[in-house]
Amino acid sequence: MSMEFGWWNNNPEEGKYQVVADFHGGTIEWQRKQGHHNSWLTHVPSEEDWERLIFEAEKRVPRRLLSPKQFDVIKKLKDRR
């Protein structure tokens, strides 16, 4: 089952952009989009992006939207990079 996490980042050099992390089958695909009419681009996650992903995933575990096993896989992927 695929799980999508998304948020907005704002940085002085690049401006405001949307980040999406798509978690599926033990892998995470990172993409970003800046502006309404632009295409999705591959995103290289920063440490802050990984922290935000863990934070968002942690909120979904108690609501049973994400299993504890899936949450552990996300944490392991962060440690492997």
N, C-alpha and C. Protein backbone atom coordinates (compact mmCIF):
# COMPACT_ATOMS: atom_id res chain seq x y z
N MET A 1 0.84 -1.18 0.00
CA MET A 1 0.00 0.00 0.00
C MET A 1 0.89 1.25 0.00
N SER A 2 0.59 2.16 -0.86
CA SER A 2 1.36 3.39 -0.98
C SER A 2 0.85 4.43 0.01
N MET A 3 1.78 5.17 0.59
CA MET A 3 1.44 6.23 1.54
C MET A 3 2.16 7.49 1.08
N GLU A 4 1.41 8.58 0.95
CA GLU A 4 2.01 9.82 0.49
C GLU A 4 2.03 10.84 1.62
N PHE A 5 3.17 11.49 1.77
CA PHE A 5 3.35 12.54 2.77
C PHE A 5 3.71 13.81 2.02
N GLY A 6 3.12 14.92 2.39
CA GLY A 6 3.43 16.16 1.69
C GLY A 6 3.40 17.37 2.61
N TRP A 7 4.21 18.36 2.28
CA TRP A 7 4.27 19.61 3.03
C TRP A 7 4.90 20.67 2.15
N TRP A 8 4.90 21.89 2.64
CA TRP A 8 5.50 23.02 1.93
C TRP A 8 6.77 23.45 2.64
N ASN A 9 7.80 23.75 1.86
CA ASN A 9 9.04 24.32 2.37
C ASN A 9 9.17 25.74 1.82
N ASN A 10 9.75 26.61 2.61
CA ASN A 10 10.01 27.97 2.17
C ASN A 10 11.45 28.30 2.50
N ASN A 11 12.21 28.64 1.47
CA ASN A 11 13.61 28.93 1.68
C ASN A 11 13.98 30.18 0.87
N PRO A 12 14.80 31.05 1.42
CA PRO A 12 15.08 32.34 0.78
C PRO A 12 15.67 32.24 -0.63
N GLU A 13 16.51 31.25 -0.90
CA GLU A 13 17.13 31.13 -2.22
C GLU A 13 16.16 30.58 -3.27
N GLU A 14 15.38 29.57 -2.90
CA GLU A 14 14.54 28.87 -3.87
C GLU A 14 13.08 29.29 -3.80
N GLY A 15 12.66 29.96 -2.76
CA GLY A 15 11.27 30.35 -2.61
C GLY A 15 10.45 29.23 -1.99
N LYS A 16 9.14 29.29 -2.19
CA LYS A 16 8.22 28.31 -1.62
C LYS A 16 8.01 27.17 -2.61
N TYR A 17 8.09 25.93 -2.11
CA TYR A 17 7.87 24.78 -2.96
C TYR A 17 7.24 23.64 -2.15
N GLN A 18 6.53 22.80 -2.86
CA GLN A 18 5.85 21.66 -2.25
C GLN A 18 6.75 20.43 -2.35
N VAL A 19 6.83 19.68 -1.24
CA VAL A 19 7.61 18.44 -1.20
C VAL A 19 6.66 17.28 -0.96
N VAL A 20 6.85 16.20 -1.72
CA VAL A 20 6.04 14.99 -1.54
C VAL A 20 6.99 13.80 -1.43
N ALA A 21 6.76 13.00 -0.39
CA ALA A 21 7.51 11.75 -0.21
C ALA A 21 6.50 10.61 -0.35
N ASP A 22 6.69 9.78 -1.36
CA ASP A 22 5.79 8.66 -1.62
C ASP A 22 6.47 7.38 -1.14
N PHE A 23 5.91 6.78 -0.09
CA PHE A 23 6.46 5.57 0.53
C PHE A 23 5.69 4.37 0.00
N HIS A 24 6.43 3.43 -0.62
CA HIS A 24 5.78 2.25 -1.17
C HIS A 24 6.78 1.10 -1.22
N GLY A 25 6.42 -0.01 -0.62
CA GLY A 25 7.22 -1.23 -0.71
C GLY A 25 8.64 -1.11 -0.19
N GLY A 26 8.84 -0.33 0.84
CA GLY A 26 10.16 -0.22 1.42
C GLY A 26 11.07 0.80 0.73
N THR A 27 10.51 1.60 -0.17
CA THR A 27 11.28 2.66 -0.82
C THR A 27 10.52 3.99 -0.68
N ILE A 28 11.27 5.07 -0.78
CA ILE A 28 10.67 6.40 -0.73
C ILE A 28 11.10 7.16 -1.97
N GLU A 29 10.13 7.73 -2.67
CA GLU A 29 10.40 8.55 -3.84
C GLU A 29 10.10 10.00 -3.46
N TRP A 30 11.10 10.87 -3.58
CA TRP A 30 10.96 12.28 -3.21
C TRP A 30 10.76 13.11 -4.46
N GLN A 31 9.77 14.02 -4.41
CA GLN A 31 9.52 14.93 -5.51
C GLN A 31 9.21 16.32 -4.96
N ARG A 32 9.40 17.32 -5.82
CA ARG A 32 9.10 18.69 -5.43
C ARG A 32 8.46 19.42 -6.60
N LYS A 33 7.68 20.44 -6.26
CA LYS A 33 7.01 21.23 -7.28
C LYS A 33 6.97 22.67 -6.82
N GLN A 34 7.36 23.58 -7.69
CA GLN A 34 7.35 24.99 -7.36
C GLN A 34 6.47 25.69 -8.38
N GLY A 35 5.36 26.21 -7.92
CA GLY A 35 4.44 26.89 -8.82
C GLY A 35 3.38 25.96 -9.35
N HIS A 36 2.27 26.54 -9.72
CA HIS A 36 1.10 25.77 -10.15
C HIS A 36 1.29 25.07 -11.49
N HIS A 37 1.96 25.71 -12.42
CA HIS A 37 2.05 25.18 -13.78
C HIS A 37 3.37 24.48 -14.07
N ASN A 38 4.15 24.21 -13.06
CA ASN A 38 5.42 23.52 -13.25
C ASN A 38 5.28 22.02 -13.02
N SER A 39 6.21 21.26 -13.57
CA SER A 39 6.20 19.80 -13.42
C SER A 39 6.84 19.39 -12.10
N TRP A 40 6.54 18.15 -11.69
CA TRP A 40 7.20 17.58 -10.52
C TRP A 40 8.62 17.22 -10.88
N LEU A 41 9.56 17.54 -9.98
CA LEU A 41 10.97 17.25 -10.17
C LEU A 41 11.45 16.33 -9.05
N THR A 42 12.50 15.58 -9.32
CA THR A 42 13.11 14.75 -8.28
C THR A 42 13.73 15.66 -7.22
N HIS A 43 13.51 15.31 -5.97
CA HIS A 43 13.99 16.12 -4.85
C HIS A 43 15.00 15.33 -4.04
N VAL A 44 16.12 15.96 -3.72
CA VAL A 44 17.12 15.36 -2.84
C VAL A 44 16.80 15.84 -1.43
N PRO A 45 16.36 14.93 -0.55
CA PRO A 45 15.91 15.36 0.78
C PRO A 45 17.05 15.83 1.67
N SER A 46 16.77 16.88 2.42
CA SER A 46 17.72 17.38 3.41
C SER A 46 17.43 16.71 4.75
N GLU A 47 18.24 17.00 5.74
CA GLU A 47 18.01 16.45 7.09
C GLU A 47 16.66 16.94 7.63
N GLU A 48 16.31 18.19 7.33
CA GLU A 48 15.02 18.73 7.78
C GLU A 48 13.85 18.00 7.12
N ASP A 49 14.01 17.62 5.85
CA ASP A 49 12.96 16.86 5.16
C ASP A 49 12.76 15.50 5.80
N TRP A 50 13.86 14.83 6.15
CA TRP A 50 13.75 13.53 6.82
C TRP A 50 13.09 13.67 8.19
N GLU A 51 13.46 14.72 8.93
CA GLU A 51 12.83 14.94 10.24
C GLU A 51 11.34 15.21 10.09
N ARG A 52 10.97 15.98 9.08
CA ARG A 52 9.55 16.28 8.85
C ARG A 52 8.80 15.01 8.45
N LEU A 53 9.41 14.15 7.64
CA LEU A 53 8.78 12.89 7.25
C LEU A 53 8.54 12.01 8.47
N ILE A 54 9.53 11.89 9.35
CA ILE A 54 9.37 11.09 10.57
C ILE A 54 8.27 11.67 11.44
N PHE A 55 8.23 13.00 11.56
CA PHE A 55 7.20 13.67 12.35
C PHE A 55 5.81 13.38 11.80
N GLU A 56 5.64 13.52 10.47
CA GLU A 56 4.34 13.27 9.84
C GLU A 56 3.93 11.80 9.96
N ALA A 57 4.89 10.89 9.79
CA ALA A 57 4.59 9.46 9.89
C ALA A 57 4.21 9.09 11.32
N GLU A 58 4.91 9.69 12.29
CA GLU A 58 4.64 9.40 13.70
C GLU A 58 3.21 9.79 14.09
N LYS A 59 2.69 10.85 13.48
CA LYS A 59 1.32 11.29 13.77
C LYS A 59 0.28 10.30 13.22
N ARG A 60 0.64 9.54 12.18
CA ARG A 60 -0.32 8.63 11.55
C ARG A 60 -0.40 7.27 12.22
N VAL A 61 0.61 6.90 12.98
CA VAL A 61 0.63 5.58 13.62
C VAL A 61 -0.52 5.42 14.64
N PRO A 62 -0.74 6.37 15.57
CA PRO A 62 -1.82 6.17 16.54
C PRO A 62 -3.21 6.14 15.90
N ARG A 63 -3.36 6.78 14.75
CA ARG A 63 -4.66 6.79 14.06
C ARG A 63 -4.83 5.58 13.15
N ARG A 64 -3.83 4.69 13.15
CA ARG A 64 -3.82 3.46 12.36
C ARG A 64 -3.86 3.71 10.86
N LEU A 65 -3.32 4.85 10.44
CA LEU A 65 -3.18 5.12 9.02
C LEU A 65 -1.85 4.57 8.49
N LEU A 66 -0.95 4.28 9.43
CA LEU A 66 0.36 3.72 9.13
C LEU A 66 0.67 2.71 10.22
N SER A 67 1.10 1.52 9.83
CA SER A 67 1.38 0.50 10.84
C SER A 67 2.73 0.78 11.50
N PRO A 68 2.92 0.27 12.72
CA PRO A 68 4.22 0.42 13.37
C PRO A 68 5.36 -0.20 12.55
N LYS A 69 5.06 -1.28 11.83
CA LYS A 69 6.07 -1.92 10.99
C LYS A 69 6.49 -0.99 9.85
N GLN A 70 5.52 -0.32 9.22
CA GLN A 70 5.84 0.63 8.15
C GLN A 70 6.64 1.81 8.70
N PHE A 71 6.28 2.27 9.89
CA PHE A 71 7.00 3.37 10.52
C PHE A 71 8.46 2.98 10.78
N ASP A 72 8.69 1.76 11.23
CA ASP A 72 10.05 1.28 11.46
C ASP A 72 10.85 1.23 10.16
N VAL A 73 10.20 0.86 9.06
CA VAL A 73 10.89 0.82 7.76
C VAL A 73 11.31 2.23 7.35
N ILE A 74 10.46 3.22 7.57
CA ILE A 74 10.80 4.61 7.23
C ILE A 74 12.00 5.07 8.06
N LYS A 75 12.01 4.74 9.36
CA LYS A 75 13.14 5.13 10.21
C LYS A 75 14.43 4.45 9.76
N LYS A 76 14.34 3.19 9.34
CA LYS A 76 15.53 2.48 8.85
C LYS A 76 16.05 3.08 7.55
N LEU A 77 15.14 3.51 6.67
CA LEU A 77 15.54 4.14 5.42
C LEU A 77 16.30 5.45 5.71
N LYS A 78 15.86 6.18 6.72
CA LYS A 78 16.55 7.41 7.10
C LYS A 78 17.96 7.11 7.60
N ASP A 79 18.09 6.06 8.38
CA ASP A 79 19.40 5.71 8.94
C ASP A 79 20.36 5.19 7.87
N ARG A 80 19.84 4.59 6.80
CA ARG A 80 20.67 4.00 5.74
C ARG A 80 21.26 5.02 4.79
N ARG A 81 20.68 6.18 4.69
CA ARG A 81 21.12 7.13 3.66
C ARG A 81 22.48 7.66 3.92
